[in-house]
Amino acid sequence: MDEIINKVAQSGLETIDLENFYPQGEIVEFDLKEHLFMGMILKEKDFRTAMQSHDWEQYRGKNVGLVCTADAIVPLWAYMLITTYLEPVAAYVAFGDTDFIYRTLYLKNLSQIDVNSLVDKRIVIKGCGDKRVGEVAYTEITRLLRPVVKSIMYGEPCSTVPVYKKKS
C-alpha cells in the first residue's frame, strides 16, 4: 500500500489570513452638522460651549470618523478641537466616514507585519473567510510582501492562484 503524502504540508508555503488583521472595535461617525447653527454655520462661542458640554464618554473605546454632512464651510480648527475631546476616550480618531476609518485601520494593522521574517518565503494570502476583507487589504499585503518574498499566491494552499513570482 502506498503511503499518502501531504504535499501541501511539505510545500513550505506560509499562509497569511487577512482576517487576523481585521479592524477591531465599533466604528462610528461624529457629524459636525449636528453642532452647526441652522445646520449650516459654525458660531465659535456656541460651538465651543457645545463641545464642552457634549457627552464624550459615548465614544469610549470606539473608532471615530469625523464628518460634516452639511454643505457648510467648517474651519479646520473645529476638527482639531473635536479631536482634543475624542483622543482621550476613543480608540482611534480621524477625519473621514466609516469606510475610510475601516480602510485606515486595516492599513494600520497590516503595517505591523514584520516583512523581514518573510524574506524569500512562498506566501499564500487566504482567499475566503467569514469577514469582509476588501480590496484595500489585498492590495496592501501585496505591496508590503512583493519586495521581499519569493512568491505570492491567492486562495488556499491546496488550490492557489499565482500572483507574483520573484525572477531569479
C-alpha atoms as a PDB file:
ATOM      1  CA  MET A   1       0.000   0.000   0.000  1.00  0.00           C
ATOM      2  CA  ASP A   2       1.335   3.427  -0.965  1.00  0.00           C
ATOM      3  CA  GLU A   3       1.892   5.988   1.756  1.00  0.00           C
ATOM      4  CA  ILE A   4      -0.250   9.132   1.472  1.00  0.00           C
ATOM      5  CA  ILE A   5       1.979  12.178   1.306  1.00  0.00           C
ATOM      6  CA  ASN A   6       0.651  15.613   2.221  1.00  0.00           C
ATOM      7  CA  LYS A   7       2.329  17.683  -0.467  1.00  0.00           C
ATOM      8  CA  VAL A   8       0.720  20.875   0.827  1.00  0.00           C
ATOM      9  CA  ALA A   9       2.356  20.405   4.242  1.00  0.00           C
ATOM     10  CA  GLN A  10       5.719  19.743   2.579  1.00  0.00           C
ATOM     11  CA  SER A  11       5.476  22.659   0.161  1.00  0.00           C
ATOM     12  CA  GLY A  12       6.923  25.244   2.530  1.00  0.00           C
ATOM     13  CA  LEU A  13       4.000  27.584   1.915  1.00  0.00           C
ATOM     14  CA  GLU A  14       3.102  30.095   4.607  1.00  0.00           C
ATOM     15  CA  THR A  15      -0.488  31.269   4.777  1.00  0.00           C
ATOM     16  CA  ILE A  16      -1.480  34.759   5.806  1.00  0.00           C
ATOM     17  CA  ASP A  17      -5.103  35.170   6.812  1.00  0.00           C
ATOM     18  CA  LEU A  18      -6.073  38.817   6.387  1.00  0.00           C
ATOM     19  CA  GLU A  19      -8.964  38.311   8.803  1.00  0.00           C
ATOM     20  CA  ASN A  20      -6.331  38.257  11.560  1.00  0.00           C
ATOM     21  CA  PHE A  21      -5.699  41.943  10.807  1.00  0.00           C
ATOM     22  CA  TYR A  22      -9.364  42.934  10.664  1.00  0.00           C
ATOM     23  CA  PRO A  23     -10.065  46.269  12.398  1.00  0.00           C
ATOM     24  CA  GLN A  24     -11.281  45.737  15.948  1.00  0.00           C
ATOM     25  CA  GLY A  25     -13.943  47.766  17.706  1.00  0.00           C
ATOM     26  CA  GLU A  26     -17.003  49.652  16.627  1.00  0.00           C
ATOM     27  CA  ILE A  27     -16.661  52.405  14.039  1.00  0.00           C
ATOM     28  CA  VAL A  28     -18.923  55.437  14.472  1.00  0.00           C
ATOM     29  CA  GLU A  29     -19.166  58.878  12.920  1.00  0.00           C
ATOM     30  CA  PHE A  30     -19.214  62.241  14.657  1.00  0.00           C
ATOM     31  CA  ASP A  31     -21.181  64.584  12.375  1.00  0.00           C
ATOM     32  CA  LEU A  32     -20.407  68.269  12.850  1.00  0.00           C
ATOM     33  CA  LYS A  33     -23.697  69.128  11.154  1.00  0.00           C
ATOM     34  CA  GLU A  34     -25.451  68.455  14.462  1.00  0.00           C
ATOM     35  CA  HIS A  35     -23.451  71.263  16.085  1.00  0.00           C
ATOM     36  CA  LEU A  36     -23.844  73.980  13.464  1.00  0.00           C
ATOM     37  CA  PHE A  37     -26.215  76.917  13.765  1.00  0.00           C
ATOM     38  CA  MET A  38     -29.176  76.152  11.485  1.00  0.00           C
ATOM     39  CA  GLY A  39     -27.151  73.143  10.299  1.00  0.00           C
ATOM     40  CA  MET A  40     -25.001  75.457   8.190  1.00  0.00           C
ATOM     41  CA  ILE A  41     -22.894  77.909  10.200  1.00  0.00           C
ATOM     42  CA  LEU A  42     -20.290  77.368  12.886  1.00  0.00           C
ATOM     43  CA  LYS A  43     -20.576  80.027  15.564  1.00  0.00           C
ATOM     44  CA  GLU A  44     -17.358  79.747  17.554  1.00  0.00           C
ATOM     45  CA  LYS A  45     -18.659  80.567  21.028  1.00  0.00           C
ATOM     46  CA  ASP A  46     -21.724  78.320  20.715  1.00  0.00           C
ATOM     47  CA  PHE A  47     -19.647  75.546  19.160  1.00  0.00           C
ATOM     48  CA  ARG A  48     -17.055  75.632  21.949  1.00  0.00           C
ATOM     49  CA  THR A  49     -19.821  75.566  24.575  1.00  0.00           C
ATOM     50  CA  ALA A  50     -21.471  72.618  22.833  1.00  0.00           C
ATOM     51  CA  MET A  51     -18.177  70.714  22.705  1.00  0.00           C
ATOM     52  CA  GLN A  52     -17.525  71.359  26.414  1.00  0.00           C
ATOM     53  CA  SER A  53     -20.951  70.005  27.396  1.00  0.00           C
ATOM     54  CA  HIS A  54     -21.050  67.102  24.904  1.00  0.00           C
ATOM     55  CA  ASP A  55     -21.090  63.554  26.326  1.00  0.00           C
ATOM     56  CA  TRP A  56     -17.734  62.281  25.060  1.00  0.00           C
ATOM     57  CA  GLU A  57     -17.969  59.064  27.076  1.00  0.00           C
ATOM     58  CA  GLN A  58     -20.304  57.607  24.438  1.00  0.00           C
ATOM     59  CA  TYR A  59     -17.207  57.268  22.219  1.00  0.00           C
ATOM     60  CA  ARG A  60     -15.100  55.395  24.780  1.00  0.00           C
ATOM     61  CA  GLY A  61     -13.130  52.632  23.067  1.00  0.00           C
ATOM     62  CA  LYS A  62     -14.706  53.296  19.674  1.00  0.00           C
ATOM     63  CA  ASN A  63     -13.108  54.239  16.376  1.00  0.00           C
ATOM     64  CA  VAL A  64     -14.478  57.643  15.402  1.00  0.00           C
ATOM     65  CA  GLY A  65     -14.647  59.255  11.984  1.00  0.00           C
ATOM     66  CA  LEU A  66     -15.170  63.000  11.862  1.00  0.00           C
ATOM     67  CA  VAL A  67     -17.528  64.110   9.092  1.00  0.00           C
ATOM     68  CA  CYS A  68     -19.713  67.055   8.188  1.00  0.00           C
ATOM     69  CA  THR A  69     -22.706  66.001   6.110  1.00  0.00           C
ATOM     70  CA  ALA A  70     -23.907  69.590   5.722  1.00  0.00           C
ATOM     71  CA  ASP A  71     -22.779  71.709   2.815  1.00  0.00           C
ATOM     72  CA  ALA A  72     -21.010  74.109   5.160  1.00  0.00           C
ATOM     73  CA  ILE A  73     -17.626  75.723   5.384  1.00  0.00           C
ATOM     74  CA  VAL A  74     -16.097  74.415   8.587  1.00  0.00           C
ATOM     75  CA  PRO A  75     -12.888  75.980   9.888  1.00  0.00           C
ATOM     76  CA  LEU A  76     -10.095  73.441  10.242  1.00  0.00           C
ATOM     77  CA  TRP A  77      -9.596  74.250  13.921  1.00  0.00           C
ATOM     78  CA  ALA A  78     -13.072  72.807  14.600  1.00  0.00           C
ATOM     79  CA  TYR A  79     -11.861  69.307  13.654  1.00  0.00           C
ATOM     80  CA  MET A  80      -8.795  69.854  15.802  1.00  0.00           C
ATOM     81  CA  LEU A  81     -10.947  70.908  18.767  1.00  0.00           C
ATOM     82  CA  ILE A  82     -13.195  67.857  18.460  1.00  0.00           C
ATOM     83  CA  THR A  83     -10.124  65.632  18.275  1.00  0.00           C
ATOM     84  CA  THR A  84      -8.833  67.065  21.568  1.00  0.00           C
ATOM     85  CA  TYR A  85     -12.034  65.846  23.224  1.00  0.00           C
ATOM     86  CA  LEU A  86     -12.150  62.476  21.447  1.00  0.00           C
ATOM     87  CA  GLU A  87      -8.494  61.485  21.643  1.00  0.00           C
ATOM     88  CA  PRO A  88      -8.518  60.676  25.394  1.00  0.00           C
ATOM     89  CA  VAL A  89     -11.574  58.382  25.125  1.00  0.00           C
ATOM     90  CA  ALA A  90     -11.746  56.969  21.598  1.00  0.00           C
ATOM     91  CA  ALA A  91      -9.627  54.065  20.392  1.00  0.00           C
ATOM     92  CA  TYR A  92      -8.918  55.942  17.153  1.00  0.00           C
ATOM     93  CA  VAL A  93      -9.921  59.302  15.648  1.00  0.00           C
ATOM     94  CA  ALA A  94      -9.549  60.508  12.062  1.00  0.00           C
ATOM     95  CA  PHE A  95     -11.297  62.675   9.532  1.00  0.00           C
ATOM     96  CA  GLY A  96     -13.415  60.502   7.268  1.00  0.00           C
ATOM     97  CA  ASP A  97     -16.516  58.368   7.036  1.00  0.00           C
ATOM     98  CA  THR A  98     -16.961  54.823   8.345  1.00  0.00           C
ATOM     99  CA  ASP A  99     -15.476  53.226   5.216  1.00  0.00           C
ATOM    100  CA  PHE A 100     -12.421  55.475   5.373  1.00  0.00           C
ATOM    101  CA  ILE A 101     -11.850  54.609   9.039  1.00  0.00           C
ATOM    102  CA  TYR A 102     -12.228  50.881   8.275  1.00  0.00           C
ATOM    103  CA  ARG A 103      -9.658  51.098   5.461  1.00  0.00           C
ATOM    104  CA  THR A 104      -7.274  53.209   7.544  1.00  0.00           C
ATOM    105  CA  LEU A 105      -7.397  50.789  10.470  1.00  0.00           C
ATOM    106  CA  TYR A 106      -6.830  47.841   8.139  1.00  0.00           C
ATOM    107  CA  LEU A 107      -3.750  49.545   6.691  1.00  0.00           C
ATOM    108  CA  LYS A 108      -2.520  50.381  10.185  1.00  0.00           C
ATOM    109  CA  ASN A 109      -2.916  46.756  11.302  1.00  0.00           C
ATOM    110  CA  LEU A 110      -1.167  45.390   8.208  1.00  0.00           C
ATOM    111  CA  SER A 111       1.746  47.770   8.733  1.00  0.00           C
ATOM    112  CA  GLN A 112       2.567  45.777  11.893  1.00  0.00           C
ATOM    113  CA  ILE A 113       3.626  42.736   9.836  1.00  0.00           C
ATOM    114  CA  ASP A 114       7.336  42.005  10.155  1.00  0.00           C
ATOM    115  CA  VAL A 115       8.109  41.572   6.457  1.00  0.00           C
ATOM    116  CA  ASN A 116      11.744  40.770   7.287  1.00  0.00           C
ATOM    117  CA  SER A 117      10.569  37.453   8.746  1.00  0.00           C
ATOM    118  CA  LEU A 118       9.102  36.575   5.342  1.00  0.00           C
ATOM    119  CA  VAL A 119      12.177  37.100   3.159  1.00  0.00           C
ATOM    120  CA  ASP A 120      12.286  34.541   0.327  1.00  0.00           C
ATOM    121  CA  LYS A 121       9.182  32.718   1.600  1.00  0.00           C
ATOM    122  CA  ARG A 122       6.366  31.372  -0.521  1.00  0.00           C
ATOM    123  CA  ILE A 123       3.204  33.079   0.722  1.00  0.00           C
ATOM    124  CA  VAL A 124      -0.455  32.222   0.245  1.00  0.00           C
ATOM    125  CA  ILE A 125      -2.896  35.010   1.013  1.00  0.00           C
ATOM    126  CA  LYS A 126      -6.020  33.259   2.251  1.00  0.00           C
ATOM    127  CA  GLY A 127      -8.977  33.901  -0.002  1.00  0.00           C
ATOM    128  CA  CYS A 128     -12.337  33.027   1.514  1.00  0.00           C
ATOM    129  CA  GLY A 129     -13.395  33.869   5.022  1.00  0.00           C
ATOM    130  CA  ASP A 130     -16.192  34.995   7.265  1.00  0.00           C
ATOM    131  CA  LYS A 131     -15.406  38.725   7.268  1.00  0.00           C
ATOM    132  CA  ARG A 132     -15.448  41.353   4.537  1.00  0.00           C
ATOM    133  CA  VAL A 133     -11.754  41.884   3.918  1.00  0.00           C
ATOM    134  CA  GLY A 134     -11.902  44.085   0.821  1.00  0.00           C
ATOM    135  CA  GLU A 135      -9.569  45.258  -1.862  1.00  0.00           C
ATOM    136  CA  VAL A 136      -7.590  47.629   0.346  1.00  0.00           C
ATOM    137  CA  ALA A 137      -6.197  44.768   2.434  1.00  0.00           C
ATOM    138  CA  TYR A 138      -5.319  42.554  -0.555  1.00  0.00           C
ATOM    139  CA  THR A 139      -3.626  45.449  -2.315  1.00  0.00           C
ATOM    140  CA  GLU A 140      -1.663  46.489   0.773  1.00  0.00           C
ATOM    141  CA  ILE A 141      -0.463  42.987   1.667  1.00  0.00           C
ATOM    142  CA  THR A 142       0.784  42.567  -1.894  1.00  0.00           C
ATOM    143  CA  ARG A 143       2.565  45.926  -1.763  1.00  0.00           C
ATOM    144  CA  LEU A 144       4.228  45.009   1.534  1.00  0.00           C
ATOM    145  CA  LEU A 145       5.287  41.497   0.560  1.00  0.00           C
ATOM    146  CA  ARG A 146       6.323  41.781  -3.077  1.00  0.00           C
ATOM    147  CA  PRO A 147       9.772  43.290  -2.402  1.00  0.00           C
ATOM    148  CA  VAL A 148      10.810  40.501  -0.006  1.00  0.00           C
ATOM    149  CA  VAL A 149       9.036  37.207  -0.731  1.00  0.00           C
ATOM    150  CA  LYS A 150       9.802  34.509  -3.267  1.00  0.00           C
ATOM    151  CA  SER A 151       6.174  34.217  -4.371  1.00  0.00           C
ATOM    152  CA  ILE A 152       2.654  35.367  -3.573  1.00  0.00           C
ATOM    153  CA  MET A 153      -0.409  33.268  -4.230  1.00  0.00           C
ATOM    154  CA  TYR A 154      -4.085  33.809  -3.522  1.00  0.00           C
ATOM    155  CA  GLY A 155      -6.527  31.205  -2.248  1.00  0.00           C
ATOM    156  CA  GLU A 156      -5.971  28.090  -0.173  1.00  0.00           C
ATOM    157  CA  PRO A 157      -2.736  26.046  -0.083  1.00  0.00           C
ATOM    158  CA  CYS A 158      -4.466  23.194  -1.965  1.00  0.00           C
ATOM    159  CA  SER A 159      -5.779  25.491  -4.704  1.00  0.00           C
ATOM    160  CA  THR A 160      -3.946  28.744  -5.347  1.00  0.00           C
ATOM    161  CA  VAL A 161      -3.857  31.431  -7.984  1.00  0.00           C
ATOM    162  CA  PRO A 162      -0.311  32.669  -8.668  1.00  0.00           C
ATOM    163  CA  VAL A 163       0.005  36.430  -8.216  1.00  0.00           C
ATOM    164  CA  TYR A 164       3.746  37.110  -8.114  1.00  0.00           C
ATOM    165  CA  LYS A 165       6.967  35.137  -8.523  1.00  0.00           C
ATOM    166  CA  LYS A 166      10.391  36.664  -7.959  1.00  0.00           C
ATOM    167  CA  LYS A 167      12.602  36.466 -11.010  1.00  0.00           C
ATOM    168  CA  SER A 168      15.929  34.792 -10.262  1.00  0.00           C
END
